[in-house]
Structures are given as structure tokens and as C-alpha cells.
Protein backbone atom coordinates (compact mmCIF):
# COMPACT_ATOMS: atom_id res chain seq x y z
CA MET A 1 0.00 0.00 0.00
CA SER A 2 1.38 3.44 -0.97
CA PHE A 3 1.66 6.45 1.32
CA LEU A 4 -1.32 8.06 -0.43
CA GLU A 5 -3.47 4.96 -0.01
CA GLU A 6 -2.80 4.83 3.72
CA ARG A 7 -4.54 8.13 4.40
CA GLU A 8 -7.58 9.99 3.18
CA ILE A 9 -6.67 13.29 1.55
CA SER A 10 -9.30 16.00 2.07
CA GLN A 11 -11.13 17.42 -0.93
CA ALA A 12 -10.00 20.92 0.08
CA VAL A 13 -6.35 19.87 -0.30
CA ILE A 14 -7.04 18.19 -3.64
CA ARG A 15 -8.77 21.35 -4.91
CA ARG A 16 -5.67 23.39 -4.05
CA LEU A 17 -3.21 21.11 -5.85
CA PRO A 18 -3.93 22.48 -9.36
CA ARG A 19 -3.24 25.99 -8.03
CA TYR A 20 0.14 24.88 -6.70
CA TYR A 21 0.85 23.27 -10.05
CA ARG A 22 -0.07 26.42 -11.97
CA TYR A 23 1.99 28.76 -9.78
CA LEU A 24 4.99 26.45 -9.82
CA GLY A 25 4.73 26.25 -13.62
CA GLU A 26 4.85 30.06 -13.79
CA LEU A 27 7.90 30.08 -11.50
CA LEU A 28 9.62 27.55 -13.75
CA GLU A 29 8.92 29.68 -16.81
CA ASN A 30 10.51 32.64 -15.00
CA GLY A 31 13.65 30.66 -14.19
CA VAL A 32 13.04 30.36 -10.44
CA GLU A 33 14.88 27.30 -9.09
CA ARG A 34 13.73 27.25 -5.47
CA ILE A 35 11.16 29.00 -3.32
CA SER A 36 10.30 29.13 0.36
CA SER A 37 6.84 28.43 1.71
CA ASN A 38 6.69 32.09 2.79
CA ASP A 39 7.41 33.36 -0.73
CA LEU A 40 4.94 30.91 -2.24
CA SER A 41 2.44 32.02 0.39
CA ARG A 42 2.68 35.66 -0.68
CA ARG A 43 2.18 34.75 -4.33
CA MET A 44 -0.75 32.41 -3.77
CA LYS A 45 -2.38 34.24 -0.85
CA VAL A 46 -2.43 30.99 1.13
CA THR A 47 -0.71 30.85 4.52
CA ALA A 48 2.73 29.28 4.64
CA SER A 49 1.54 26.84 7.30
CA GLN A 50 -1.34 25.78 5.03
CA ILE A 51 1.11 25.12 2.19
CA ARG A 52 3.33 23.03 4.45
CA GLN A 53 0.33 21.10 5.80
CA ASP A 54 -1.00 20.46 2.29
CA LEU A 55 2.30 19.17 0.95
CA ASN A 56 2.95 17.09 4.08
CA ASN A 57 -0.12 15.07 3.12
CA PHE A 58 2.03 13.67 0.31
CA GLY A 59 5.22 13.22 2.28
CA GLY A 60 6.58 16.77 2.25
CA PHE A 61 8.96 18.13 -0.36
CA GLY A 62 10.84 20.96 1.35
CA GLN A 63 14.13 21.23 3.18
CA GLN A 64 14.63 23.36 6.30
CA GLY A 65 16.46 26.53 5.33
CA TYR A 66 16.28 25.72 1.61
CA GLY A 67 12.61 25.71 0.73
CA TYR A 68 11.22 23.84 -2.25
CA ASN A 69 13.00 22.84 -5.44
CA VAL A 70 10.53 24.28 -7.96
CA LYS A 71 11.21 21.86 -10.81
CA TYR A 72 11.04 18.81 -8.54
CA LEU A 73 7.89 19.95 -6.72
CA TYR A 74 6.19 20.80 -10.03
CA ALA A 75 6.95 17.32 -11.35
CA GLU A 76 5.83 15.58 -8.15
CA ILE A 77 2.51 17.44 -7.98
CA GLY A 78 2.00 16.59 -11.65
CA LYS A 79 2.43 12.91 -10.76
CA ILE A 80 -0.01 13.22 -7.84
CA LEU A 81 -2.55 14.79 -10.21
CA GLY A 82 -2.00 11.98 -12.70
CA LEU A 83 -0.73 14.36 -15.38
CA GLU A 84 2.16 12.12 -16.44
CA GLU A 85 -0.44 9.82 -18.01
CA ASP A 86 -2.50 10.52 -21.12
CA HIS A 87 -6.30 10.51 -20.73
CA ASN A 88 -8.57 10.17 -23.76
CA ILE A 89 -11.50 12.59 -23.57
CA ILE A 90 -14.59 13.25 -25.67
CA ILE A 91 -17.06 16.13 -25.65
CA ILE A 92 -20.80 15.52 -25.92
CA GLY A 93 -22.47 18.64 -27.29
CA ALA A 94 -20.90 20.79 -30.01
CA GLY A 95 -22.67 24.02 -29.13
CA ASN A 96 -20.91 27.18 -27.98
CA LEU A 97 -19.62 25.69 -24.72
CA GLY A 98 -18.60 22.40 -26.30
CA GLN A 99 -16.70 24.20 -29.05
CA ALA A 100 -15.02 26.48 -26.51
CA LEU A 101 -13.80 23.42 -24.60
CA ALA A 102 -12.61 21.78 -27.82
CA ASN A 103 -10.63 24.91 -28.66
CA TYR A 104 -8.89 24.90 -25.28
CA ALA A 105 -5.32 24.21 -26.38
CA SER A 106 -4.02 23.41 -22.89
CA PHE A 107 -5.81 20.04 -22.92
CA GLU A 108 -2.90 18.36 -24.68
CA LYS A 109 -0.32 20.09 -22.48
CA ARG A 110 -1.91 18.42 -19.47
CA GLY A 111 -2.20 14.99 -21.08
CA PHE A 112 -5.88 15.17 -22.04
CA ILE A 113 -6.20 13.93 -25.61
CA LEU A 114 -9.38 15.11 -27.32
CA LYS A 115 -10.50 12.10 -29.35
CA GLY A 116 -13.99 13.06 -30.44
CA ILE A 117 -16.86 15.56 -30.37
CA PHE A 118 -20.49 14.46 -30.66
CA ASP A 119 -23.79 16.19 -31.31
CA VAL A 120 -27.33 15.45 -32.53
CA ASN A 121 -27.44 18.34 -35.02
CA PRO A 122 -26.82 16.96 -38.54
CA ARG A 123 -25.74 20.42 -39.72
CA LEU A 124 -22.66 20.11 -37.51
CA GLN A 125 -21.65 16.69 -38.81
CA GLY A 126 -18.12 16.71 -40.24
CA ILE A 127 -17.26 20.21 -39.04
CA SER A 128 -13.72 20.10 -37.69
CA ILE A 129 -12.70 21.81 -34.44
CA ARG A 130 -8.92 21.90 -34.00
CA GLY A 131 -8.65 18.90 -36.29
CA VAL A 132 -11.35 16.85 -34.55
CA PRO A 133 -14.53 16.27 -36.62
CA VAL A 134 -17.98 16.47 -35.07
CA ARG A 135 -19.68 13.07 -35.16
CA MET A 136 -23.30 12.06 -34.68
CA MET A 137 -24.53 10.41 -31.49
CA ASP A 138 -25.30 7.09 -33.20
CA GLU A 139 -21.53 6.60 -33.55
CA LEU A 140 -20.88 7.20 -29.86
CA SER A 141 -21.07 3.70 -28.35
CA ALA A 142 -18.68 2.11 -30.83
CA PHE A 143 -16.32 5.08 -30.74
CA VAL A 144 -16.00 5.00 -26.94
CA LYS A 145 -15.13 1.30 -26.95
CA GLU A 146 -12.66 1.54 -29.84
CA ASN A 147 -10.78 4.56 -28.47
CA ASP A 148 -10.52 3.66 -24.77
CA VAL A 149 -12.25 6.89 -23.73
CA ALA A 150 -11.73 7.58 -20.02
CA ILE A 151 -13.45 10.97 -19.67
CA ALA A 152 -16.55 12.48 -21.25
CA ALA A 153 -17.45 16.17 -20.96
CA LEU A 154 -21.21 16.78 -21.05
CA THR A 155 -22.24 20.17 -22.45
CA ILE A 156 -25.81 19.17 -23.30
CA PRO A 157 -29.27 20.07 -21.94
CA LYS A 158 -30.01 18.60 -18.53
CA ASP A 159 -32.99 16.56 -19.79
CA LYS A 160 -30.59 14.57 -22.01
CA ALA A 161 -27.62 14.39 -19.65
CA VAL A 162 -28.75 11.54 -17.40
CA ASP A 163 -29.48 9.11 -20.24
CA VAL A 164 -26.31 10.01 -22.13
CA ALA A 165 -24.18 9.65 -18.99
CA SER A 166 -25.64 6.22 -18.27
CA MET A 167 -24.95 5.09 -21.83
CA LEU A 168 -21.36 6.34 -21.59
CA VAL A 169 -20.80 4.43 -18.35
CA GLU A 170 -22.26 1.25 -19.87
CA ASN A 171 -19.66 1.55 -22.64
CA GLY A 172 -16.67 1.96 -20.36
CA VAL A 173 -16.30 5.68 -19.64
CA ARG A 174 -14.89 6.03 -16.12
CA ALA A 175 -15.27 9.76 -15.44
CA ILE A 176 -17.80 12.47 -16.34
CA TRP A 177 -17.00 16.19 -16.52
CA ASN A 178 -20.54 17.44 -16.09
CA PHE A 179 -21.47 20.92 -17.34
CA ALA A 180 -25.19 20.04 -17.50
CA HIS A 181 -27.31 21.69 -14.82
CA THR A 182 -28.37 18.44 -13.20
CA ASP A 183 -27.07 15.82 -10.81
CA LEU A 184 -26.18 12.46 -12.32
CA ASN A 185 -27.25 9.29 -10.53
CA LEU A 186 -24.38 7.00 -11.53
CA PRO A 187 -22.64 4.01 -9.90
CA GLU A 188 -20.33 4.90 -7.00
CA HIS A 189 -17.19 3.86 -8.87
CA ILE A 190 -17.82 6.47 -11.58
CA ILE A 191 -16.01 9.76 -10.99
CA VAL A 192 -18.13 12.87 -11.58
CA GLU A 193 -16.83 16.43 -11.52
CA ASN A 194 -19.74 18.88 -11.66
CA VAL A 195 -19.12 22.33 -13.14
CA HIS A 196 -22.05 24.62 -12.35
CA LEU A 197 -21.31 27.89 -14.14
CA SER A 198 -24.47 29.57 -12.86
CA GLU A 199 -23.60 28.70 -9.25
CA SER A 200 -20.15 30.21 -9.71
CA LEU A 201 -21.74 33.39 -11.05
CA MET A 202 -24.13 33.51 -8.11
CA GLN A 203 -21.19 33.24 -5.71
CA LEU A 204 -19.56 36.12 -7.57
CA SER A 205 -22.80 38.09 -7.33
CA TYR A 206 -22.89 37.49 -3.57
CA LYS A 207 -19.33 38.76 -3.17
CA ILE A 208 -20.02 41.86 -5.27
CA SER A 209 -23.13 42.62 -3.19
CA ARG A 210 -21.19 42.30 0.08
CA TYR A 211 -18.39 44.47 -1.31
CA ASN A 212 -20.88 47.16 -2.40
CA GLU A 213 -22.61 47.11 1.00
CA GLU A 214 -19.33 47.53 2.87
CA HIS A 215 -18.17 50.43 0.69
CA GLN A 216 -21.48 52.29 0.86
CA ARG A 217 -21.44 52.58 4.62
């Protein structure tokens, strides 16, 4: 059993890992070789003790009086996030959001290989988005099996999402990136990451309202 399997890592820590990865990547691009938890704290606006606690969940990577080796820590967090492996991904729904995701060039940089885009609109059939043609939904089952698709992004109406997600799972998809405004009732072993854009906007609205109230007093 590995160190990670021996303990349960909190979701809050896991949510912070991509931020560490992004900031460390920026440091690498700027030629920074090492950084202290205090300096990283100032950049990320996370306390130094929180950074040390988070990284200690995975064994700790710093040295007293030296700090963190940026290149090494970047690589190790990438391994923890599974980014050293390639993951085949498809997008269901070739509307505005689906096309925006397909055009996101950083997918490949992170090991996410866009294999296919699917839609029900025959007018979109054959249209290519960054070299990937839009296919019709009747091709989906066979395509998923033949291309070892691990992840499916759903950018479709919520009344279609549940049935499509179930069909994807039946054909071997192991994770759903769900942009549909509905909860998916799937088997426990299926990984679901829900992205509720409207909820994020409402949180932003709340923060703006509180800010306005405080500055009008």
C-alpha cells in the first residue's frame, strides 16, 4: 500500500493542488529554481503553514532553510494529479460551450487527448474543431469502446444528460465532466466532476453585493 493509499486526503487539499501546479509552472517559466513556503504564500495568498500542511499530506517536499525545489515539486505534484499519463477525452455537445472546450489548447499540455466531439445536429456533422470532426450520437457507443475513452465532458441540456451519462458508463467511460445543470445518478465507482457555471456566477454576485454594501457605509 502506498503512502497516499494509507490516508484519506481531504477534498480541500485536492482542490488546491492544481493551483500549486499552476503557480509552480509560472515560477519555472521565469527561471526560479527554489522558493520558500513564505514566498509561495505571498504569491498564492495561502498561509505558509497551510502550504506546508498540504504538501505534508504527500510526504513533504521541502528542506529546512532551503525551501522547495521548484522543478522537482512541479513534477511531483503533476504525478499526484496523474498528469504524467494521457487521458482520452470526448465532448458531448458541439454548441458554444462544447466548441469552446474543444478549442482549449491546454488540454494536450496536461495529457488530455481530445479524441472526439459528438452532437445530434446533422448540420454540424463533419465540421472540424482543431482537427477533430464532429460526429453524430449514433456513432458514440462504438467510438467509446474503440478509443478507450476515459473521460466524457457533457455540455448538453439537462434533460438529455442523465441518459447520455448512463450510456457512456455502460460503454466503459470512467469519469464524467458534467457541465449540464443536473445531478447524475451514476454508480459509485464512476467519478463525476460537476461544473455549475451559474452557481459560480451567483457566488460572484454574492461577493459583489457584500463588497458594495461595505463600501457604501
